[in-house]
Amino acid sequence: MKLAVFVSDYRLNVDTLDRLKAEKLGIILVQNGVYHATVKEKGAASPLLGKSANYYALIDDLETRGLGNADIDGNVKVVGYGDIVDLIFNEYDKTAWL
């Protein structure tokens, strides 16, 4: 199964993602979840970015929080709403929201 997971909270417990099994995992960071793409704790990336997955962050939510492409971790692709629709319909079989 190819699974896309929307993450909207910065305080997400990464253990939840550890329990998800998928042949292809995409993590779409939206709302406050976009902070995972940028915030460094003690010089390290967010633990969420340590998973084997494709990462996406919604540009509108980044800009709303005063963040831009220069602030984003290299493992995260910045996307728009249209790109998310394409991902859901073309790349992933199922979606979940955390």
N, C-alpha and C. Protein backbone atom coordinates (compact mmCIF):
# COMPACT_ATOMS: atom_id res chain seq x y z
N MET A 1 0.84 -1.17 0.00
CA MET A 1 0.00 0.00 0.00
C MET A 1 0.89 1.24 0.00
N LYS A 2 0.45 2.24 -0.71
CA LYS A 2 1.12 3.54 -0.76
C LYS A 2 0.29 4.51 0.07
N LEU A 3 0.89 5.03 1.13
CA LEU A 3 0.15 5.82 2.12
C LEU A 3 0.70 7.24 2.24
N ALA A 4 -0.19 8.22 2.13
CA ALA A 4 0.15 9.62 2.37
C ALA A 4 -0.43 10.00 3.73
N VAL A 5 0.42 10.59 4.57
CA VAL A 5 0.00 10.99 5.92
C VAL A 5 0.13 12.49 6.06
N PHE A 6 -0.97 13.14 6.38
CA PHE A 6 -0.94 14.57 6.66
C PHE A 6 -0.58 14.77 8.12
N VAL A 7 0.41 15.61 8.38
CA VAL A 7 0.81 15.93 9.75
C VAL A 7 0.57 17.41 9.96
N SER A 8 -0.33 17.73 10.90
CA SER A 8 -0.72 19.13 11.11
C SER A 8 -0.29 19.69 12.46
N ASP A 9 0.41 18.90 13.25
CA ASP A 9 0.77 19.34 14.60
C ASP A 9 2.27 19.16 14.81
N TYR A 10 2.91 20.15 15.40
CA TYR A 10 4.34 20.03 15.66
C TYR A 10 4.63 19.09 16.83
N ARG A 11 3.68 18.90 17.72
CA ARG A 11 3.89 18.07 18.90
C ARG A 11 3.55 16.60 18.64
N LEU A 12 3.51 16.19 17.39
CA LEU A 12 3.18 14.82 17.03
C LEU A 12 4.14 13.83 17.67
N ASN A 13 3.59 12.76 18.20
CA ASN A 13 4.40 11.67 18.74
C ASN A 13 4.84 10.80 17.58
N VAL A 14 6.12 10.70 17.33
CA VAL A 14 6.66 9.96 16.19
C VAL A 14 6.34 8.47 16.29
N ASP A 15 6.05 7.97 17.48
CA ASP A 15 5.70 6.55 17.64
C ASP A 15 4.50 6.16 16.79
N THR A 16 3.58 7.07 16.59
CA THR A 16 2.42 6.80 15.76
C THR A 16 2.85 6.44 14.34
N LEU A 17 3.78 7.18 13.80
CA LEU A 17 4.27 6.90 12.45
C LEU A 17 5.02 5.58 12.38
N ASP A 18 5.68 5.21 13.46
CA ASP A 18 6.42 3.95 13.49
C ASP A 18 5.50 2.74 13.31
N ARG A 19 4.26 2.88 13.70
CA ARG A 19 3.31 1.78 13.60
C ARG A 19 2.69 1.65 12.21
N LEU A 20 2.85 2.65 11.37
CA LEU A 20 2.29 2.59 10.03
C LEU A 20 3.21 1.79 9.11
N LYS A 21 2.63 0.85 8.41
CA LYS A 21 3.39 0.02 7.47
C LYS A 21 2.90 0.31 6.06
N ALA A 22 3.82 0.70 5.20
CA ALA A 22 3.46 0.98 3.81
C ALA A 22 4.67 0.74 2.94
N GLU A 23 4.44 0.30 1.72
CA GLU A 23 5.56 0.12 0.79
C GLU A 23 6.12 1.47 0.35
N LYS A 24 5.25 2.48 0.34
CA LYS A 24 5.67 3.85 0.02
C LYS A 24 4.94 4.78 0.98
N LEU A 25 5.71 5.60 1.70
CA LEU A 25 5.13 6.51 2.69
C LEU A 25 5.46 7.94 2.30
N GLY A 26 4.44 8.76 2.24
CA GLY A 26 4.61 10.19 1.99
C GLY A 26 4.08 10.96 3.19
N ILE A 27 4.86 11.88 3.69
CA ILE A 27 4.44 12.70 4.83
C ILE A 27 4.26 14.12 4.33
N ILE A 28 3.03 14.60 4.42
CA ILE A 28 2.67 15.93 3.95
C ILE A 28 2.49 16.84 5.16
N LEU A 29 3.38 17.80 5.30
CA LEU A 29 3.36 18.71 6.45
C LEU A 29 2.48 19.91 6.13
N VAL A 30 1.45 20.10 6.95
CA VAL A 30 0.51 21.21 6.79
C VAL A 30 0.31 21.89 8.13
N GLN A 31 -0.31 23.06 8.11
CA GLN A 31 -0.58 23.84 9.31
C GLN A 31 0.68 23.92 10.16
N ASN A 32 0.60 23.69 11.48
CA ASN A 32 1.79 23.77 12.34
C ASN A 32 2.76 22.61 12.11
N GLY A 33 2.35 21.61 11.38
CA GLY A 33 3.24 20.51 11.05
C GLY A 33 4.43 20.94 10.20
N VAL A 34 4.32 22.10 9.53
CA VAL A 34 5.43 22.56 8.68
C VAL A 34 6.66 22.90 9.51
N TYR A 35 6.50 23.12 10.80
CA TYR A 35 7.67 23.39 11.64
C TYR A 35 8.63 22.20 11.67
N HIS A 36 8.14 20.99 11.43
CA HIS A 36 9.02 19.82 11.35
C HIS A 36 10.04 19.98 10.23
N ALA A 37 9.68 20.71 9.20
CA ALA A 37 10.57 20.89 8.05
C ALA A 37 11.69 21.87 8.34
N THR A 38 11.56 22.66 9.41
CA THR A 38 12.51 23.74 9.65
C THR A 38 13.17 23.74 11.01
N VAL A 39 12.45 23.43 12.03
CA VAL A 39 12.93 23.60 13.39
C VAL A 39 14.02 22.59 13.71
N LYS A 40 15.12 23.07 14.23
CA LYS A 40 16.22 22.22 14.64
C LYS A 40 16.32 22.25 16.16
N GLU A 41 16.33 21.09 16.76
CA GLU A 41 16.50 21.00 18.20
C GLU A 41 17.92 20.55 18.50
N LYS A 42 18.67 21.40 19.16
CA LYS A 42 20.07 21.12 19.50
C LYS A 42 20.88 20.75 18.26
N GLY A 43 20.59 21.41 17.15
CA GLY A 43 21.35 21.20 15.92
C GLY A 43 20.90 20.02 15.08
N ALA A 44 19.94 19.25 15.56
CA ALA A 44 19.47 18.08 14.81
C ALA A 44 18.11 18.38 14.17
N ALA A 45 17.83 17.68 13.09
CA ALA A 45 16.54 17.83 12.42
C ALA A 45 15.44 17.24 13.29
N SER A 46 14.22 17.59 12.99
CA SER A 46 13.08 17.02 13.69
C SER A 46 13.13 15.49 13.60
N PRO A 47 12.80 14.77 14.67
CA PRO A 47 12.80 13.30 14.62
C PRO A 47 11.89 12.76 13.52
N LEU A 48 10.88 13.51 13.17
CA LEU A 48 9.96 13.09 12.12
C LEU A 48 10.69 12.90 10.79
N LEU A 49 11.71 13.70 10.53
CA LEU A 49 12.43 13.62 9.26
C LEU A 49 13.38 12.43 9.21
N GLY A 50 13.47 11.67 10.26
CA GLY A 50 14.34 10.50 10.28
C GLY A 50 13.68 9.25 9.73
N LYS A 51 12.44 9.33 9.36
CA LYS A 51 11.71 8.18 8.82
C LYS A 51 12.06 7.99 7.35
N SER A 52 11.88 6.78 6.88
CA SER A 52 12.09 6.49 5.46
C SER A 52 10.79 6.86 4.73
N ALA A 53 10.77 8.07 4.18
CA ALA A 53 9.55 8.58 3.55
C ALA A 53 9.89 9.71 2.60
N ASN A 54 8.91 10.07 1.80
CA ASN A 54 9.00 11.29 0.99
C ASN A 54 8.31 12.38 1.79
N TYR A 55 8.95 13.54 1.89
CA TYR A 55 8.43 14.64 2.70
C TYR A 55 8.01 15.80 1.82
N TYR A 56 6.87 16.39 2.18
CA TYR A 56 6.33 17.54 1.46
C TYR A 56 5.85 18.56 2.50
N ALA A 57 6.02 19.85 2.20
CA ALA A 57 5.51 20.91 3.07
C ALA A 57 4.71 21.89 2.22
N LEU A 58 3.54 22.26 2.70
CA LEU A 58 2.66 23.16 1.97
C LEU A 58 3.18 24.59 2.03
N ILE A 59 3.44 25.17 0.87
CA ILE A 59 4.03 26.51 0.78
C ILE A 59 3.16 27.56 1.45
N ASP A 60 1.85 27.48 1.34
CA ASP A 60 0.97 28.47 1.95
C ASP A 60 1.13 28.51 3.46
N ASP A 61 1.26 27.33 4.08
CA ASP A 61 1.42 27.26 5.53
C ASP A 61 2.80 27.72 5.96
N LEU A 62 3.81 27.47 5.14
CA LEU A 62 5.15 27.99 5.42
C LEU A 62 5.15 29.51 5.39
N GLU A 63 4.58 30.08 4.33
CA GLU A 63 4.57 31.54 4.18
C GLU A 63 3.74 32.21 5.28
N THR A 64 2.64 31.58 5.69
CA THR A 64 1.81 32.13 6.76
C THR A 64 2.62 32.26 8.05
N ARG A 65 3.58 31.38 8.24
CA ARG A 65 4.41 31.38 9.44
C ARG A 65 5.74 32.11 9.24
N GLY A 66 5.86 32.82 8.13
CA GLY A 66 7.05 33.62 7.87
C GLY A 66 8.26 32.80 7.45
N LEU A 67 8.03 31.60 6.94
CA LEU A 67 9.12 30.71 6.52
C LEU A 67 9.19 30.66 5.01
N GLY A 68 10.37 30.39 4.47
CA GLY A 68 10.55 30.29 3.04
C GLY A 68 11.42 29.11 2.67
N ASN A 69 11.69 28.97 1.38
CA ASN A 69 12.49 27.83 0.89
C ASN A 69 13.86 27.74 1.56
N ALA A 70 14.45 28.86 1.90
CA ALA A 70 15.78 28.86 2.52
C ALA A 70 15.75 28.25 3.92
N ASP A 71 14.59 28.22 4.55
CA ASP A 71 14.46 27.69 5.91
C ASP A 71 14.19 26.18 5.94
N ILE A 72 13.99 25.58 4.79
CA ILE A 72 13.50 24.20 4.72
C ILE A 72 14.64 23.20 4.64
N ASP A 73 14.50 22.09 5.36
CA ASP A 73 15.46 20.98 5.30
C ASP A 73 15.51 20.44 3.87
N GLY A 74 16.66 20.01 3.44
CA GLY A 74 16.85 19.52 2.08
C GLY A 74 16.06 18.27 1.74
N ASN A 75 15.57 17.54 2.73
CA ASN A 75 14.78 16.33 2.49
C ASN A 75 13.31 16.62 2.22
N VAL A 76 12.91 17.88 2.35
CA VAL A 76 11.50 18.25 2.24
C VAL A 76 11.27 19.02 0.94
N LYS A 77 10.26 18.58 0.18
CA LYS A 77 9.89 19.27 -1.05
C LYS A 77 8.74 20.22 -0.74
N VAL A 78 8.88 21.47 -1.15
CA VAL A 78 7.83 22.47 -0.95
C VAL A 78 6.82 22.33 -2.09
N VAL A 79 5.54 22.24 -1.72
CA VAL A 79 4.47 22.01 -2.70
C VAL A 79 3.30 22.96 -2.46
N GLY A 80 2.48 23.11 -3.48
CA GLY A 80 1.25 23.89 -3.38
C GLY A 80 0.04 22.96 -3.28
N TYR A 81 -1.15 23.55 -3.20
CA TYR A 81 -2.36 22.75 -3.08
C TYR A 81 -2.55 21.82 -4.27
N GLY A 82 -2.29 22.32 -5.47
CA GLY A 82 -2.43 21.50 -6.67
C GLY A 82 -1.51 20.30 -6.65
N ASP A 83 -0.30 20.50 -6.15
CA ASP A 83 0.65 19.39 -6.04
C ASP A 83 0.15 18.32 -5.06
N ILE A 84 -0.47 18.76 -3.98
CA ILE A 84 -1.00 17.81 -3.00
C ILE A 84 -2.13 16.99 -3.62
N VAL A 85 -2.98 17.63 -4.39
CA VAL A 85 -4.06 16.91 -5.07
C VAL A 85 -3.46 15.87 -6.01
N ASP A 86 -2.44 16.25 -6.77
CA ASP A 86 -1.77 15.30 -7.67
C ASP A 86 -1.17 14.13 -6.90
N LEU A 87 -0.54 14.41 -5.76
CA LEU A 87 0.03 13.34 -4.94
C LEU A 87 -1.04 12.36 -4.48
N ILE A 88 -2.15 12.89 -4.00
CA ILE A 88 -3.22 12.04 -3.48
C ILE A 88 -3.81 11.16 -4.58
N PHE A 89 -4.01 11.72 -5.76
CA PHE A 89 -4.66 10.96 -6.82
C PHE A 89 -3.71 10.12 -7.67
N ASN A 90 -2.43 10.48 -7.71
CA ASN A 90 -1.51 9.79 -8.62
C ASN A 90 -0.43 8.96 -7.93
N GLU A 91 -0.05 9.31 -6.71
CA GLU A 91 1.09 8.66 -6.07
C GLU A 91 0.72 7.73 -4.91
N TYR A 92 -0.38 8.02 -4.24
CA TYR A 92 -0.71 7.28 -3.01
C TYR A 92 -2.11 6.68 -3.09
N ASP A 93 -2.26 5.46 -2.56
CA ASP A 93 -3.54 4.75 -2.58
C ASP A 93 -4.47 5.20 -1.45
N LYS A 94 -3.87 5.51 -0.30
CA LYS A 94 -4.65 5.87 0.89
C LYS A 94 -4.06 7.09 1.54
N THR A 95 -4.90 7.79 2.31
CA THR A 95 -4.43 8.95 3.06
C THR A 95 -4.88 8.82 4.52
N ALA A 96 -4.12 9.45 5.39
CA ALA A 96 -4.45 9.50 6.82
C ALA A 96 -4.09 10.89 7.32
N TRP A 97 -4.72 11.30 8.40
CA TRP A 97 -4.45 12.61 9.01
C TRP A 97 -4.05 12.41 10.46
N LEU A 98 -2.89 12.92 10.83
CA LEU A 98 -2.43 12.83 12.22
C LEU A 98 -2.31 14.22 12.80
